[in-house]
Protein backbone atom coordinates (compact mmCIF):
# COMPACT_ATOMS: atom_id res chain seq x y z
CA UNK A 1 63.07 22.90 1.58
CA UNK A 2 64.75 24.13 -1.46
CA UNK A 3 63.37 26.45 -3.98
CA UNK A 4 63.38 23.19 -6.38
CA UNK A 5 60.98 21.30 -3.88
CA UNK A 6 58.89 23.71 -3.17
CA UNK A 7 58.05 24.05 -6.69
CA UNK A 8 57.03 20.78 -7.31
CA UNK A 9 55.10 20.62 -3.66
CA UNK A 10 53.82 23.37 -5.18
CA UNK A 11 52.18 21.81 -8.31
CA UNK A 12 51.15 18.50 -6.90
CA UNK A 13 48.06 17.77 -5.60
CA UNK A 14 47.14 17.63 -1.70
CA UNK A 15 48.21 13.79 -1.32
CA UNK A 16 47.12 13.67 2.28
CA UNK A 17 44.34 14.28 4.57
CA UNK A 18 46.06 17.19 6.17
CA UNK A 19 47.49 18.67 3.05
CA UNK A 20 44.09 18.80 1.82
CA UNK A 21 42.57 20.51 4.47
CA UNK A 22 45.65 23.01 4.15
CA UNK A 23 44.67 23.82 0.50
CA UNK A 24 40.91 23.73 1.35
CA UNK A 25 41.29 26.64 3.83
CA UNK A 26 43.74 28.45 1.48
CA UNK A 27 40.91 28.67 -1.25
CA UNK A 28 38.60 29.99 2.14
CA UNK A 29 41.39 32.64 2.75
CA UNK A 30 41.57 33.95 -0.84
CA UNK A 31 37.96 35.05 0.05
CA UNK A 32 37.92 36.93 3.09
CA UNK A 33 38.45 40.42 1.81
CA UNK A 34 37.67 38.82 -1.93
CA UNK A 35 41.27 38.37 -3.50
CA UNK A 36 40.05 37.32 -7.57
CA UNK A 37 42.78 37.05 -8.74
CA UNK A 38 44.51 34.53 -5.92
CA UNK A 39 41.69 32.19 -5.93
CA UNK A 40 42.15 32.46 -10.07
CA UNK A 41 45.80 31.80 -9.69
CA UNK A 42 44.11 28.04 -8.71
CA UNK A 43 42.47 26.95 -11.32
CA UNK A 44 44.57 25.63 -14.53
CA UNK A 45 43.75 27.37 -17.57
CA UNK A 46 41.22 25.10 -18.44
CA UNK A 47 39.45 24.57 -15.91
CA UNK A 48 35.56 23.54 -16.00
CA UNK A 49 32.80 25.44 -13.17
CA UNK A 50 29.63 24.23 -13.22
CA UNK A 51 28.86 26.11 -10.00
CA UNK A 52 24.32 25.62 -9.16
CA UNK A 53 22.16 26.25 -11.72
CA UNK A 54 24.62 28.97 -13.99
CA UNK A 55 25.31 27.66 -17.31
CA UNK A 56 28.27 25.48 -17.30
CA UNK A 57 31.25 27.43 -18.61
CA UNK A 58 35.41 26.86 -19.34
CA UNK A 59 38.34 28.86 -18.70
CA UNK A 60 40.14 31.72 -16.40
CA UNK A 61 38.18 34.18 -18.40
CA UNK A 62 35.09 33.60 -18.00
CA UNK A 63 35.68 32.12 -14.49
CA UNK A 64 37.90 35.82 -14.06
CA UNK A 65 34.07 37.42 -15.17
CA UNK A 66 32.41 35.19 -12.73
CA UNK A 67 34.40 36.04 -9.61
CA UNK A 68 33.73 40.49 -10.17
CA UNK A 69 30.17 39.57 -10.70
CA UNK A 70 29.95 37.60 -7.21
CA UNK A 71 32.50 40.23 -5.40
CA UNK A 72 30.63 43.05 -6.47
CA UNK A 73 27.47 41.55 -5.18
CA UNK A 74 28.21 39.55 -1.91
CA UNK A 75 29.25 42.76 0.54
CA UNK A 76 31.48 41.67 3.82
CA UNK A 77 31.32 37.82 2.57
CA UNK A 78 32.10 35.51 5.09
CA UNK A 79 33.18 32.33 4.38
CA UNK A 80 33.84 29.75 6.68
CA UNK A 81 34.66 25.59 4.33
CA UNK A 82 35.16 22.07 5.74
CA UNK A 83 37.03 19.68 4.35
CA UNK A 84 34.44 16.52 3.43
CA UNK A 85 36.75 14.03 1.82
CA UNK A 86 39.73 13.67 -0.22
CA UNK A 87 40.21 10.16 -2.72
CA UNK A 88 42.60 10.51 -5.46
CA UNK A 89 42.83 13.56 -7.61
CA UNK A 90 39.01 14.52 -6.25
CA UNK A 91 38.37 17.03 -3.05
CA UNK A 92 35.25 17.24 -1.35
CA UNK A 93 34.28 20.55 1.06
CA UNK A 94 31.24 21.93 2.85
CA UNK A 95 30.78 25.23 3.26
CA UNK A 96 28.70 28.29 4.84
CA UNK A 97 29.00 31.42 4.18
CA UNK A 98 27.38 34.92 4.99
CA UNK A 99 26.73 38.79 3.67
CA UNK A 100 25.44 41.35 2.56
CA UNK A 101 23.38 41.34 -0.69
CA UNK A 102 24.79 44.33 -2.77
CA UNK A 103 21.68 45.01 -5.13
CA UNK A 104 19.11 44.73 -2.23
CA UNK A 105 20.88 45.04 1.20
CA UNK A 106 19.02 42.04 2.27
CA UNK A 107 21.56 39.96 4.96
CA UNK A 108 22.02 36.49 3.09
CA UNK A 109 23.30 32.95 3.85
CA UNK A 110 24.28 30.35 2.16
CA UNK A 111 25.80 26.55 2.34
CA UNK A 112 26.56 24.29 0.29
CA UNK A 113 29.10 21.24 -1.04
CA UNK A 114 32.04 21.45 -3.25
CA UNK A 115 33.77 18.31 -5.87
CA UNK A 116 37.07 19.74 -6.82
CA UNK A 117 39.15 17.78 -9.49
CA UNK A 118 42.34 18.89 -9.07
CA UNK A 119 45.75 18.71 -11.36
CA UNK A 120 49.10 19.60 -10.85
CA UNK A 121 48.02 21.26 -7.88
CA UNK A 122 45.27 23.49 -8.73
CA UNK A 123 41.40 23.15 -9.10
CA UNK A 124 40.43 21.41 -12.55
CA UNK A 125 37.43 21.05 -12.32
CA UNK A 126 34.91 22.61 -9.94
CA UNK A 127 31.12 21.15 -9.19
CA UNK A 128 29.04 23.12 -6.50
CA UNK A 129 25.40 22.20 -5.20
CA UNK A 130 24.36 25.19 -2.70
CA UNK A 131 21.23 26.75 -1.38
CA UNK A 132 20.80 30.88 -0.40
CA UNK A 133 18.21 32.19 1.17
CA UNK A 134 17.38 35.59 3.45
CA UNK A 135 18.99 35.60 7.45
CA UNK A 136 16.34 34.65 9.44
CA UNK A 137 13.82 33.94 6.78
CA UNK A 138 13.28 30.05 5.74
CA UNK A 139 14.67 28.29 3.25
CA UNK A 140 13.20 25.43 1.72
CA UNK A 141 12.16 27.36 -1.30
CA UNK A 142 8.28 25.92 -1.82
CA UNK A 143 9.12 22.42 -1.16
CA UNK A 144 8.42 22.28 2.75
């Protein structure tokens, strides 16, 4: 494949389930160990982030601050992501992760769902819903 074709492929959104699955696995790999620059490079300059109950924010500068704070807090982060759906420019994935909370020393586990709206091969909008709790303790946050 010519260099020009490789660049064109990198700029386009995943079009097949196999391409989308590879994209999700690539993103997963950037978290172990944390590669904040690599993660942020996969987002558009004007990205919009709706991450759980964190107030919505925009842009790579805020995204970099967000990931630096997370990487400092989530010691030994291990992440597993799995593609759940591809429809046009939208990818959905399910994730599970575990880490040590660097502030408390507690072993933590989490799982959630992410929706990525893609543009030119990058994430333009990231929406995430998830649950986190201390390993070995009941989740449910009082609703069960």
